[in-house]
Amino acid sequence: MPKMKSKRALMKRVKITGSGKVVRHHAYVSHLAPHKTTKQKRHLMKQTSVHPTDYKRIKFLIVK
């Protein structure tokens, strides 16, 4: 059987840290931004880790 390929769409959206965590960007940043507060936009720009309930599924999709 051939090797499994990584899901390239997901690889463009997440990153693996050195410690093995999966980080992602927040949604709701670029669209309809003028009505959001500066604080809200600033906090949405930061990366966050993937929720533990999604971790197993995402690690399977980005298998190398």
C-alpha atoms as a PDB file:
ATOM      1  CA  MET A   1       0.000   0.000   0.000  1.00  0.00           C
ATOM      2  CA  PRO A   2       1.291   3.504  -0.746  1.00  0.00           C
ATOM      3  CA  LYS A   3       1.973   6.056   1.959  1.00  0.00           C
ATOM      4  CA  MET A   4      -0.906   8.223   3.146  1.00  0.00           C
ATOM      5  CA  LYS A   5      -0.745  11.790   1.941  1.00  0.00           C
ATOM      6  CA  SER A   6      -1.173  14.765   4.237  1.00  0.00           C
ATOM      7  CA  LYS A   7      -4.222  16.957   3.690  1.00  0.00           C
ATOM      8  CA  ARG A   8      -2.597  19.963   2.051  1.00  0.00           C
ATOM      9  CA  ALA A   9      -5.520  22.293   2.818  1.00  0.00           C
ATOM     10  CA  LEU A  10      -5.071  21.634   6.529  1.00  0.00           C
ATOM     11  CA  MET A  11      -1.272  21.872   6.325  1.00  0.00           C
ATOM     12  CA  LYS A  12      -1.682  25.452   5.098  1.00  0.00           C
ATOM     13  CA  ARG A  13      -3.850  26.339   8.108  1.00  0.00           C
ATOM     14  CA  VAL A  14      -2.066  24.740  11.052  1.00  0.00           C
ATOM     15  CA  LYS A  15       1.507  24.487  12.295  1.00  0.00           C
ATOM     16  CA  ILE A  16       3.228  21.997  14.586  1.00  0.00           C
ATOM     17  CA  THR A  17       5.278  23.570  17.369  1.00  0.00           C
ATOM     18  CA  GLY A  18       8.554  22.198  18.637  1.00  0.00           C
ATOM     19  CA  SER A  19       6.821  20.593  21.599  1.00  0.00           C
ATOM     20  CA  GLY A  20       4.295  18.863  19.307  1.00  0.00           C
ATOM     21  CA  LYS A  21       1.291  21.120  19.842  1.00  0.00           C
ATOM     22  CA  VAL A  22      -0.873  22.140  16.895  1.00  0.00           C
ATOM     23  CA  VAL A  23      -1.494  25.893  16.555  1.00  0.00           C
ATOM     24  CA  ARG A  24      -4.021  27.657  14.360  1.00  0.00           C
ATOM     25  CA  HIS A  25      -5.227  31.161  13.553  1.00  0.00           C
ATOM     26  CA  HIS A  26      -8.495  32.626  14.793  1.00  0.00           C
ATOM     27  CA  ALA A  27     -11.502  33.141  12.568  1.00  0.00           C
ATOM     28  CA  TYR A  28     -13.547  36.367  12.235  1.00  0.00           C
ATOM     29  CA  VAL A  29     -10.555  38.660  11.652  1.00  0.00           C
ATOM     30  CA  SER A  30     -10.687  39.874   8.078  1.00  0.00           C
ATOM     31  CA  HIS A  31     -14.397  40.144   7.296  1.00  0.00           C
ATOM     32  CA  LEU A  32     -16.674  42.824   8.799  1.00  0.00           C
ATOM     33  CA  ALA A  33     -13.803  44.199  10.878  1.00  0.00           C
ATOM     34  CA  PRO A  34     -14.867  47.869  11.333  1.00  0.00           C
ATOM     35  CA  HIS A  35     -17.557  47.102  13.902  1.00  0.00           C
ATOM     36  CA  LYS A  36     -15.170  45.015  16.038  1.00  0.00           C
ATOM     37  CA  THR A  37     -13.221  46.708  18.803  1.00  0.00           C
ATOM     38  CA  THR A  38      -9.460  47.183  18.501  1.00  0.00           C
ATOM     39  CA  LYS A  39      -8.941  44.865  21.454  1.00  0.00           C
ATOM     40  CA  GLN A  40     -11.038  42.155  19.845  1.00  0.00           C
ATOM     41  CA  LYS A  41      -9.128  42.392  16.549  1.00  0.00           C
ATOM     42  CA  ARG A  42      -5.777  42.385  18.359  1.00  0.00           C
ATOM     43  CA  HIS A  43      -6.655  39.254  20.308  1.00  0.00           C
ATOM     44  CA  LEU A  44      -7.976  37.510  17.186  1.00  0.00           C
ATOM     45  CA  MET A  45      -4.671  38.085  15.370  1.00  0.00           C
ATOM     46  CA  LYS A  46      -2.800  35.875  17.845  1.00  0.00           C
ATOM     47  CA  GLN A  47      -2.429  32.159  17.287  1.00  0.00           C
ATOM     48  CA  THR A  48      -4.053  29.633  19.569  1.00  0.00           C
ATOM     49  CA  SER A  49      -3.677  25.921  20.102  1.00  0.00           C
ATOM     50  CA  VAL A  50      -6.132  23.404  18.715  1.00  0.00           C
ATOM     51  CA  HIS A  51      -8.782  22.198  21.151  1.00  0.00           C
ATOM     52  CA  PRO A  52      -8.002  18.801  22.713  1.00  0.00           C
ATOM     53  CA  THR A  53     -11.158  17.238  21.262  1.00  0.00           C
ATOM     54  CA  ASP A  54      -9.954  18.018  17.706  1.00  0.00           C
ATOM     55  CA  TYR A  55      -6.312  17.145  18.323  1.00  0.00           C
ATOM     56  CA  LYS A  56      -6.467  13.432  17.459  1.00  0.00           C
ATOM     57  CA  ARG A  57      -8.412  14.036  14.231  1.00  0.00           C
ATOM     58  CA  ILE A  58      -6.046  16.784  13.060  1.00  0.00           C
ATOM     59  CA  LYS A  59      -2.897  14.792  13.857  1.00  0.00           C
ATOM     60  CA  PHE A  60      -4.295  11.968  11.705  1.00  0.00           C
ATOM     61  CA  LEU A  61      -4.889  14.332   8.753  1.00  0.00           C
ATOM     62  CA  ILE A  62      -1.393  15.832   8.869  1.00  0.00           C
ATOM     63  CA  VAL A  63       0.418  12.494   9.135  1.00  0.00           C
ATOM     64  CA  LYS A  64       3.769  12.593   7.354  1.00  0.00           C
END
